[in-house]
Structures are given as structure tokens and as C-alpha cells.
Amino acid sequence: MTSPNRLPEFDQARAETFSGRLVGTLNQGTLCLMISVGHRTGLFDTMRQMAPSTSQEIARQAGLNERYVREWLGAMVTGGIAEVDPSTLRYSLPAEHAAFLTRAAGGDDLAVFTQYVGILGKVEDEIVQCFRQGGGVPYEKFPRFHEVMEEDSGQSALSSLETHILPLVPDLTGRLAQGIRVLDAGCGRGRIINRLAELYPRSNFTGMDLSEEATDFARRWAVQRSLANAHFMVADLSDFNVKAPPEAFDLVTTFDAIHDQSRPLNVLKGIHRTLKADGTYLMQDISGTGYVHLDVNHPIGTALYTISCMHCMTVSLAQGGEGLGAMWGEAKTREYLERAGFRSVETHRLAHDIQNNWYVVRK
């Protein structure tokens, strides 16, 4: 038995195993950057429709520079994403891989999520300073975050809005068709609100978000499609508990937004205040447990803790908030909902969504 004051003996085999794992991590981490490039440039979409082709042919079809495409293909082949015939130097993207890397894959396109790696890398210097001095990194330091979140939302929410999400609330689609008032707090670029406004012209939809860039984008999208029933405003929800109009909305939604807030409990109290007595609050949030020793079992736990540290938590702290973080967990979510005044909380999970819980909440 090892003495409590004595260090355990160095395990050489364990060290070598860990070293190999770190080498793999280096390869996989850098591969994420190249997958993101492939997504943003449309290279995966191009290769999906091509027979085995040379780098010149792929670059020509995609309208891109051949030298960059050739080097990118090197990363794709060595990373096990694409294949190359050594006798002809023709490259191909297996259909089984394209099923998770192209826009044609819809909700299964995992290339979308690799974009977070590059975005977070841009604020690494600021995050290091926060480790040393405290504080946070504000929203404006993440110029593409809303753009990627829009795609992310399209994967986890918009793609299944009509088939899986709205049916979580009994009779909701019927009420939307008849005409109700809906608020989306923390609406981002407003893709969900605008989609609902298209589907249900008799209902009235309001989106609120701290980002002027995001709400401007949502507003322009609504105007382009003549959606007179969709409205967007810039709003700091940290004092929503006192500024929310009483019993103004039949349905309130938040999509992956509460944990980012500077004062999440105030937002939830405001939602309780503005929700009608017979109304429903539909809440999407991260499905962490709140306990790191349990979150080791989460399929993307490491990614979620990283995004939380380098975005969700820090943007809240930048506003002088509590920095709740994305992995606050279901138990604390329920605690906050109860403290906000809600008495009925149902938790749902969707088979296609590995990162979120869906809460149906009532007064």
C-alpha cells in the first residue's frame, strides 16, 4: 500500500499511452480546422457530387485555388476523411463520410460544429488574460459566433422544429394556427422566430437579443420575406425580471440561451412574469449534469466545456454576470426554474440531439 505522503511510482506504460493519446489529439484538433475550411468553402459539397478527381479538377469545380485545395486534400487524406488512389492521384470523398460532412446531410452535418474551433482560437489571448486577471471577453470579440450559432440552431432545432419540437407541447400547433403571442428571448439571428412567422401568419412573434448585429440580420430577413408578424429588438435581459410586460405572451421560448445570460435567474423571473397564466415556456439548454465526474460520459462533454469556458461563461462574466456556463446541468436548471416561480417542469430528450435537454415549463 502506498503511503499517503509518498508519490506513486512512475508508470512508464501509462505515460507512453498518454503520449500517444496527445499525438492523436493534436492531429484531431488541427483536423477540425481543416474540416471547418472544407465546410465554409463548399469543398465537401463539391466532392460529394464528383467521381474520383484530381486536385485541379476539384479546385476548378469548386472555384478555388488549386494549390490550397491540394494541401487541404493532404490533410483530408492523412486525417482519414478523403481517399486517394496513389496510381492516379485522384481524390474521393466516400459516401459514408459525406453523410456527415455535407449540407445535403441536413441535421447530420457535423462539419458545422468544427467552426467553433477557429472562432474560439481567435480569443485565446483574451481568455488567457482572463485566467490571470479575471473578467470576461464580450460578445463583440466573437464576430462570426452568431453566424455559426445560426447554423448550429439549424441543426439542432430548425431541422426538427415541426416534426419533434413543437409536438412536445400538446395542442401548440393548433393554438399557433389560431393566433397567439410568442416571445423568443435571446433570439440570435432569429431563424426560428422567422420560420414560425412563416408557418403561422395569424400569430405574432417577438425576438429579443443583446446583439444589434444579430437582431438587424433577423429583421432584414423578415422584411425580405414580408413577415409583418415578426418583430426584433435589441434588449439587455439582465433586468427582465422587472421590465418584462406582465402576462403578455402565450408562449415564450429560449434556444440554448439562458446559461449565456449575465443574470440568468432574472431572465427566468422575467419569463415567468411575462407568461400568461395558461401559457407555456419551451426551453432548450445543454444536457450536462453539472458534475464533471458524470459529464465524462457525455459524448461531446469536452467540446461543450471548452465552448463554455471560451464563450458562454466568459461573455456572461464580461457583463459582470455570474458566469453560469453551458454545463450548469439539469439539477441547477430545475432549481433556477423553481426559484423563478415555475411549478411544472418536464424534461424531454430528442433522439437526434446529443447536446440538449428540452424543457416544457408551466406556472
Protein backbone atom coordinates (compact mmCIF):
# COMPACT_ATOMS: atom_id res chain seq x y z
CA MET A 1 0.00 0.00 0.00
CA THR A 2 1.32 3.43 -0.97
CA SER A 3 1.90 5.85 1.89
CA PRO A 4 -0.38 8.92 1.69
CA ASN A 5 2.76 11.13 1.85
CA ARG A 6 4.59 9.26 -0.92
CA LEU A 7 4.16 9.83 -4.63
CA PRO A 8 3.09 6.74 -6.61
CA GLU A 9 5.71 5.09 -8.77
CA PHE A 10 6.03 6.39 -12.32
CA ASP A 11 4.13 4.09 -14.71
CA GLN A 12 6.06 4.11 -17.98
CA ALA A 13 3.38 2.22 -19.91
CA ARG A 14 0.72 4.67 -18.78
CA ALA A 15 2.94 7.59 -19.80
CA GLU A 16 3.50 6.18 -23.27
CA THR A 17 -0.21 5.53 -23.72
CA PHE A 18 -0.97 9.13 -22.72
CA SER A 19 1.73 10.46 -25.05
CA GLY A 20 0.15 8.59 -27.93
CA ARG A 21 -3.22 9.99 -27.00
CA LEU A 22 -1.85 13.55 -27.06
CA VAL A 23 -0.39 13.00 -30.52
CA GLY A 24 -3.82 11.86 -31.65
CA THR A 25 -5.38 14.92 -30.02
CA LEU A 26 -3.00 17.17 -31.92
CA ASN A 27 -3.97 15.55 -35.20
CA GLN A 28 -7.69 15.62 -34.48
CA GLY A 29 -7.64 19.21 -33.21
CA THR A 30 -5.91 20.51 -36.33
CA LEU A 31 -8.14 18.33 -38.49
CA CYS A 32 -11.14 20.23 -37.08
CA LEU A 33 -9.74 23.44 -38.59
CA MET A 34 -9.41 21.80 -41.99
CA ILE A 35 -12.92 20.31 -41.79
CA SER A 36 -14.20 23.80 -41.00
CA VAL A 37 -12.40 25.14 -44.08
CA GLY A 38 -13.91 22.35 -46.17
CA HIS A 39 -17.37 23.26 -44.92
CA ARG A 40 -17.02 27.01 -45.41
CA THR A 41 -15.52 26.73 -48.91
CA GLY A 42 -18.05 24.13 -50.05
CA LEU A 43 -15.33 21.58 -50.84
CA PHE A 44 -17.20 18.72 -49.18
CA ASP A 45 -20.36 19.59 -51.10
CA THR A 46 -18.35 19.70 -54.33
CA MET A 47 -16.56 16.39 -53.77
CA ARG A 48 -19.79 14.65 -52.82
CA GLN A 49 -21.03 15.08 -56.39
CA MET A 50 -17.77 14.18 -58.16
CA ALA A 51 -16.22 10.91 -59.26
CA PRO A 52 -12.60 10.42 -58.13
CA SER A 53 -10.83 13.56 -59.37
CA THR A 54 -7.50 15.34 -59.38
CA SER A 55 -6.83 18.36 -57.20
CA GLN A 56 -7.02 20.52 -60.33
CA GLU A 57 -10.45 19.17 -61.22
CA ILE A 58 -11.77 19.59 -57.68
CA ALA A 59 -10.43 23.14 -57.42
CA ARG A 60 -11.90 24.06 -60.81
CA GLN A 61 -15.32 22.65 -59.89
CA ALA A 62 -15.31 24.45 -56.53
CA GLY A 63 -13.97 27.70 -57.99
CA LEU A 64 -10.97 27.70 -55.63
CA ASN A 65 -7.19 27.99 -55.77
CA GLU A 66 -5.65 24.62 -56.69
CA ARG A 67 -2.54 24.92 -54.52
CA TYR A 68 -4.63 25.44 -51.38
CA VAL A 69 -7.05 22.69 -52.35
CA ARG A 70 -4.16 20.27 -52.88
CA GLU A 71 -2.72 20.96 -49.40
CA TRP A 72 -6.19 20.70 -47.87
CA LEU A 73 -6.62 17.33 -49.57
CA GLY A 74 -3.39 16.23 -47.91
CA ALA A 75 -4.94 16.91 -44.51
CA MET A 76 -8.15 15.17 -45.55
CA VAL A 77 -6.36 12.01 -46.69
CA THR A 78 -3.96 11.77 -43.73
CA GLY A 79 -6.88 12.53 -41.42
CA GLY A 80 -8.96 9.68 -42.82
CA ILE A 81 -11.66 11.93 -44.26
CA ALA A 82 -10.94 11.58 -48.00
CA GLU A 83 -9.23 8.85 -50.01
CA VAL A 84 -6.62 8.99 -52.78
CA ASP A 85 -5.66 6.50 -55.46
CA PRO A 86 -1.83 6.50 -55.38
CA SER A 87 -1.57 5.43 -59.01
CA THR A 88 -3.70 8.28 -60.41
CA LEU A 89 -3.63 10.87 -57.58
CA ARG A 90 -7.39 11.11 -57.83
CA TYR A 91 -9.24 12.03 -54.64
CA SER A 92 -12.67 10.96 -53.48
CA LEU A 93 -15.00 11.54 -50.54
CA PRO A 94 -16.68 8.27 -49.50
CA ALA A 95 -20.46 8.48 -49.44
CA GLU A 96 -20.41 7.23 -45.84
CA HIS A 97 -18.30 10.25 -44.88
CA ALA A 98 -20.26 12.71 -46.98
CA ALA A 99 -23.34 11.65 -44.99
CA PHE A 100 -21.90 13.60 -42.03
CA LEU A 101 -19.94 16.38 -43.73
CA THR A 102 -22.14 17.99 -46.38
CA ARG A 103 -25.06 20.37 -46.40
CA ALA A 104 -27.10 17.67 -48.09
CA ALA A 105 -26.81 15.72 -44.82
CA GLY A 106 -29.10 18.24 -43.11
CA GLY A 107 -29.14 17.74 -39.36
CA ASP A 108 -26.35 15.15 -39.59
CA ASP A 109 -23.78 17.63 -40.95
CA LEU A 110 -21.20 17.62 -38.16
CA ALA A 111 -18.81 19.84 -40.12
CA VAL A 112 -20.88 22.80 -38.90
CA PHE A 113 -19.65 22.33 -35.34
CA THR A 114 -15.96 22.28 -36.23
CA GLN A 115 -16.22 26.01 -36.98
CA TYR A 116 -16.23 26.71 -33.24
CA VAL A 117 -12.56 25.69 -33.02
CA GLY A 118 -11.37 28.52 -35.25
CA ILE A 119 -13.73 31.05 -33.68
CA LEU A 120 -12.59 30.25 -30.15
CA GLY A 121 -8.94 30.27 -31.22
CA LYS A 122 -9.30 33.95 -32.13
CA VAL A 123 -9.98 34.89 -28.50
CA GLU A 124 -7.35 32.64 -26.90
CA ASP A 125 -5.14 35.61 -25.96
CA GLU A 126 -8.06 37.37 -24.25
CA ILE A 127 -9.09 34.17 -22.45
CA VAL A 128 -5.53 33.69 -21.16
CA GLN A 129 -5.67 37.23 -19.76
CA CYS A 130 -8.96 36.39 -18.04
CA PHE A 131 -7.31 33.38 -16.41
CA ARG A 132 -4.75 35.77 -14.94
CA GLN A 133 -6.89 38.80 -14.18
CA GLY A 134 -10.49 37.61 -14.10
CA GLY A 135 -13.29 39.31 -16.00
CA GLY A 136 -14.57 38.14 -19.36
CA VAL A 137 -14.50 38.52 -23.14
CA PRO A 138 -17.51 40.46 -24.53
CA TYR A 139 -19.81 39.41 -27.36
CA GLU A 140 -18.25 41.81 -29.86
CA LYS A 141 -14.99 39.84 -29.77
CA PHE A 142 -16.74 36.90 -31.47
CA PRO A 143 -17.55 38.29 -34.95
CA ARG A 144 -18.70 35.00 -36.53
CA PHE A 145 -20.29 33.42 -33.49
CA HIS A 146 -23.86 34.39 -34.35
CA GLU A 147 -23.35 33.15 -37.90
CA VAL A 148 -22.21 29.74 -36.68
CA MET A 149 -24.86 29.62 -33.96
CA GLU A 150 -27.41 30.19 -36.71
CA GLU A 151 -26.13 27.07 -38.47
CA ASP A 152 -25.93 25.19 -35.17
CA SER A 153 -29.54 26.10 -34.42
CA GLY A 154 -30.48 24.93 -37.88
CA GLN A 155 -29.01 21.55 -36.99
CA SER A 156 -30.44 21.02 -33.52
CA ALA A 157 -33.68 23.00 -33.66
CA LEU A 158 -34.81 24.32 -37.02
CA SER A 159 -34.43 20.99 -38.82
CA SER A 160 -36.78 19.29 -36.35
CA LEU A 161 -38.94 22.24 -35.32
CA GLU A 162 -42.14 20.98 -36.91
CA THR A 163 -41.56 17.25 -36.50
CA HIS A 164 -40.16 16.95 -32.98
CA ILE A 165 -40.02 20.22 -31.05
CA LEU A 166 -43.44 21.85 -31.40
CA PRO A 167 -45.17 18.49 -30.70
CA LEU A 168 -43.53 18.47 -27.24
CA VAL A 169 -46.30 20.91 -26.20
CA PRO A 170 -49.78 19.39 -26.67
CA ASP A 171 -52.09 21.45 -28.93
CA LEU A 172 -49.40 24.08 -29.53
CA THR A 173 -49.56 23.93 -33.31
CA GLY A 174 -53.33 24.37 -33.20
CA ARG A 175 -53.01 27.44 -30.99
CA LEU A 176 -50.30 28.89 -33.21
CA ALA A 177 -52.55 28.41 -36.23
CA GLN A 178 -55.40 30.24 -34.47
CA GLY A 179 -53.15 33.10 -33.35
CA ILE A 180 -51.14 33.65 -30.16
CA ARG A 181 -48.34 35.94 -28.97
CA VAL A 182 -44.84 34.43 -28.84
CA LEU A 183 -41.56 35.72 -27.39
CA ASP A 184 -38.12 34.28 -28.12
CA ALA A 185 -35.66 35.60 -25.52
CA GLY A 186 -32.07 35.54 -26.76
CA CYS A 187 -33.21 35.03 -30.35
CA GLY A 188 -29.83 35.48 -32.06
CA ARG A 189 -30.33 35.84 -35.81
CA GLY A 190 -33.98 34.90 -35.48
CA ARG A 191 -34.10 31.85 -37.75
CA ILE A 192 -36.60 30.03 -35.57
CA ILE A 193 -38.86 33.03 -34.98
CA ASN A 194 -38.91 33.86 -38.68
CA ARG A 195 -39.67 30.26 -39.59
CA LEU A 196 -42.58 30.20 -37.13
CA ALA A 197 -43.82 33.52 -38.51
CA GLU A 198 -43.90 31.96 -41.98
CA LEU A 199 -45.72 28.87 -40.77
CA TYR A 200 -48.27 30.67 -38.59
CA PRO A 201 -49.25 34.05 -40.08
CA ARG A 202 -52.06 34.57 -37.53
CA SER A 203 -49.64 34.54 -34.60
CA ASN A 204 -47.40 37.43 -33.56
CA PHE A 205 -43.70 36.84 -32.83
CA THR A 206 -41.16 38.96 -30.95
CA GLY A 207 -37.43 38.26 -30.73
CA MET A 208 -35.09 39.89 -28.21
CA ASP A 209 -31.30 39.70 -28.14
CA LEU A 210 -28.36 41.65 -26.75
CA SER A 211 -26.62 41.67 -30.14
CA GLU A 212 -27.53 44.50 -32.50
CA GLU A 213 -25.83 42.67 -35.38
CA ALA A 214 -27.95 39.57 -34.81
CA THR A 215 -31.28 41.39 -34.48
CA ASP A 216 -30.52 43.53 -37.56
CA PHE A 217 -29.89 40.35 -39.53
CA ALA A 218 -33.15 38.82 -38.27
CA ARG A 219 -35.10 41.98 -39.09
CA ARG A 220 -33.71 42.21 -42.64
CA TRP A 221 -34.56 38.54 -43.22
CA ALA A 222 -38.15 39.16 -42.08
CA VAL A 223 -38.51 42.25 -44.27
CA GLN A 224 -37.18 40.42 -47.32
CA ARG A 225 -39.93 37.82 -46.85
CA SER A 226 -42.66 40.33 -45.94
CA LEU A 227 -43.19 38.84 -42.50
CA ALA A 228 -45.27 41.55 -40.85
CA ASN A 229 -45.86 39.32 -37.81
CA ALA A 230 -42.16 39.03 -36.81
CA HIS A 231 -40.52 41.80 -34.77
CA PHE A 232 -37.00 42.05 -33.34
CA MET A 233 -35.42 44.32 -30.76
CA VAL A 234 -32.09 44.78 -29.01
CA ALA A 235 -32.59 44.09 -25.32
CA ASP A 236 -30.39 43.54 -22.28
CA LEU A 237 -32.37 40.93 -20.37
CA SER A 238 -30.38 41.23 -17.13
CA ASP A 239 -33.25 43.20 -15.56
CA PHE A 240 -36.05 41.40 -17.39
CA ASN A 241 -37.49 40.41 -14.02
CA VAL A 242 -38.73 44.00 -13.55
CA LYS A 243 -39.04 45.16 -17.17
CA ALA A 244 -40.94 42.24 -18.66
CA PRO A 245 -44.52 43.20 -19.59
CA PRO A 246 -46.86 41.26 -17.26
CA GLU A 247 -48.75 38.31 -18.79
CA ALA A 248 -48.10 39.49 -22.33
CA PHE A 249 -47.22 36.21 -24.09
CA ASP A 250 -48.89 32.84 -24.58
CA LEU A 251 -45.62 31.12 -25.43
CA VAL A 252 -42.04 32.01 -24.50
CA THR A 253 -39.06 30.17 -25.97
CA THR A 254 -35.32 30.18 -25.34
CA PHE A 255 -33.00 28.18 -27.53
CA ASP A 256 -29.64 27.46 -25.88
CA ALA A 257 -29.65 30.96 -24.39
CA ILE A 258 -30.24 31.06 -20.63
CA HIS A 259 -26.80 29.91 -19.50
CA ASP A 260 -25.17 32.76 -21.51
CA GLN A 261 -27.04 35.48 -19.64
CA SER A 262 -25.36 37.75 -17.11
CA ARG A 263 -28.31 37.31 -14.72
CA PRO A 264 -29.99 34.04 -15.76
CA LEU A 265 -32.35 33.95 -12.78
CA ASN A 266 -33.58 37.47 -13.60
CA VAL A 267 -34.29 36.35 -17.17
CA LEU A 268 -36.26 33.35 -15.93
CA LYS A 269 -38.19 35.52 -13.46
CA GLY A 270 -38.98 37.88 -16.32
CA ILE A 271 -40.21 34.97 -18.44
CA HIS A 272 -42.43 33.88 -15.55
CA ARG A 273 -43.72 37.44 -15.23
CA THR A 274 -44.48 37.92 -18.94
CA LEU A 275 -46.05 34.49 -19.47
CA LYS A 276 -49.83 34.26 -19.27
CA ALA A 277 -51.32 32.08 -16.56
CA ASP A 278 -52.15 29.31 -19.03
CA GLY A 279 -49.04 29.88 -21.14
CA THR A 280 -46.04 27.63 -21.81
CA TYR A 281 -42.31 28.21 -21.64
CA LEU A 282 -40.31 25.98 -24.03
CA MET A 283 -36.64 25.92 -23.10
CA GLN A 284 -33.69 24.32 -24.89
CA ASP A 285 -30.46 24.10 -22.94
CA ILE A 286 -27.31 21.97 -22.71
CA SER A 287 -27.76 18.49 -21.26
CA GLY A 288 -24.79 18.47 -18.90
CA THR A 289 -25.24 17.09 -15.41
CA GLY A 290 -23.43 19.85 -13.54
CA TYR A 291 -20.99 17.26 -12.18
CA VAL A 292 -17.72 16.83 -14.05
CA HIS A 293 -17.23 13.23 -12.91
CA LEU A 294 -20.56 12.36 -14.59
CA ASP A 295 -20.02 14.55 -17.64
CA VAL A 296 -17.09 12.33 -18.67
CA ASN A 297 -19.85 10.15 -20.15
CA HIS A 298 -21.25 12.95 -22.31
CA PRO A 299 -20.41 12.21 -25.98
CA ILE A 300 -19.22 15.78 -26.59
CA GLY A 301 -18.53 16.81 -22.99
CA THR A 302 -15.02 18.11 -23.71
CA ALA A 303 -16.23 20.24 -26.61
CA LEU A 304 -19.06 21.68 -24.52
CA TYR A 305 -16.81 22.55 -21.56
CA THR A 306 -14.38 24.22 -23.99
CA ILE A 307 -17.11 26.29 -25.67
CA SER A 308 -18.45 27.15 -22.23
CA CYS A 309 -15.06 28.34 -20.96
CA MET A 310 -14.21 30.31 -24.07
CA HIS A 311 -17.63 31.76 -24.88
CA CYS A 312 -20.71 31.05 -22.72
CA MET A 313 -19.11 31.65 -19.33
CA THR A 314 -16.81 34.48 -20.38
CA VAL A 315 -19.44 36.60 -22.17
CA SER A 316 -21.54 36.47 -19.00
CA LEU A 317 -18.58 37.46 -16.83
CA ALA A 318 -17.77 40.30 -19.25
CA GLN A 319 -21.14 41.82 -18.32
CA GLY A 320 -20.40 41.46 -14.62
CA GLY A 321 -22.61 38.38 -14.55
CA GLU A 322 -22.36 35.13 -12.66
CA GLY A 323 -20.76 33.11 -15.46
CA LEU A 324 -23.08 30.16 -15.11
CA GLY A 325 -21.54 28.26 -18.03
CA ALA A 326 -23.07 25.87 -20.53
CA MET A 327 -22.60 22.78 -18.36
CA TRP A 328 -24.69 24.02 -15.42
CA GLY A 329 -26.75 20.84 -15.59
CA GLU A 330 -30.35 19.71 -15.30
CA ALA A 331 -30.49 19.86 -11.49
CA LYS A 332 -29.46 23.52 -11.37
CA THR A 333 -31.73 24.30 -14.33
CA ARG A 334 -34.68 22.93 -12.38
CA GLU A 335 -33.57 24.81 -9.27
CA TYR A 336 -33.46 28.12 -11.17
CA LEU A 337 -36.85 27.48 -12.78
CA GLU A 338 -38.39 26.81 -9.37
CA ARG A 339 -36.75 29.92 -7.89
CA ALA A 340 -38.22 31.89 -10.80
CA GLY A 341 -41.70 30.73 -9.75
CA PHE A 342 -42.40 27.84 -12.12
CA ARG A 343 -44.05 24.76 -10.65
CA SER A 344 -44.30 22.34 -13.59
CA VAL A 345 -41.11 21.27 -15.39
CA GLU A 346 -40.94 18.37 -17.85
CA THR A 347 -37.62 17.25 -19.34
CA HIS A 348 -37.53 15.79 -22.84
CA ARG A 349 -34.68 14.47 -24.97
CA LEU A 350 -34.71 14.12 -28.73
CA ALA A 351 -33.02 11.13 -30.33
CA HIS A 352 -31.17 13.25 -32.92
CA ASP A 353 -29.93 15.85 -30.42
CA ILE A 354 -27.00 14.67 -28.29
CA GLN A 355 -26.25 18.02 -26.66
CA ASN A 356 -29.55 19.43 -25.38
CA ASN A 357 -32.41 18.93 -22.98
CA TRP A 358 -35.83 20.28 -23.92
CA TYR A 359 -37.94 21.59 -21.03
CA VAL A 360 -41.69 22.20 -21.18
CA VAL A 361 -42.37 24.61 -18.31
CA ARG A 362 -45.60 26.00 -16.86
CA LYS A 363 -46.61 28.24 -13.97
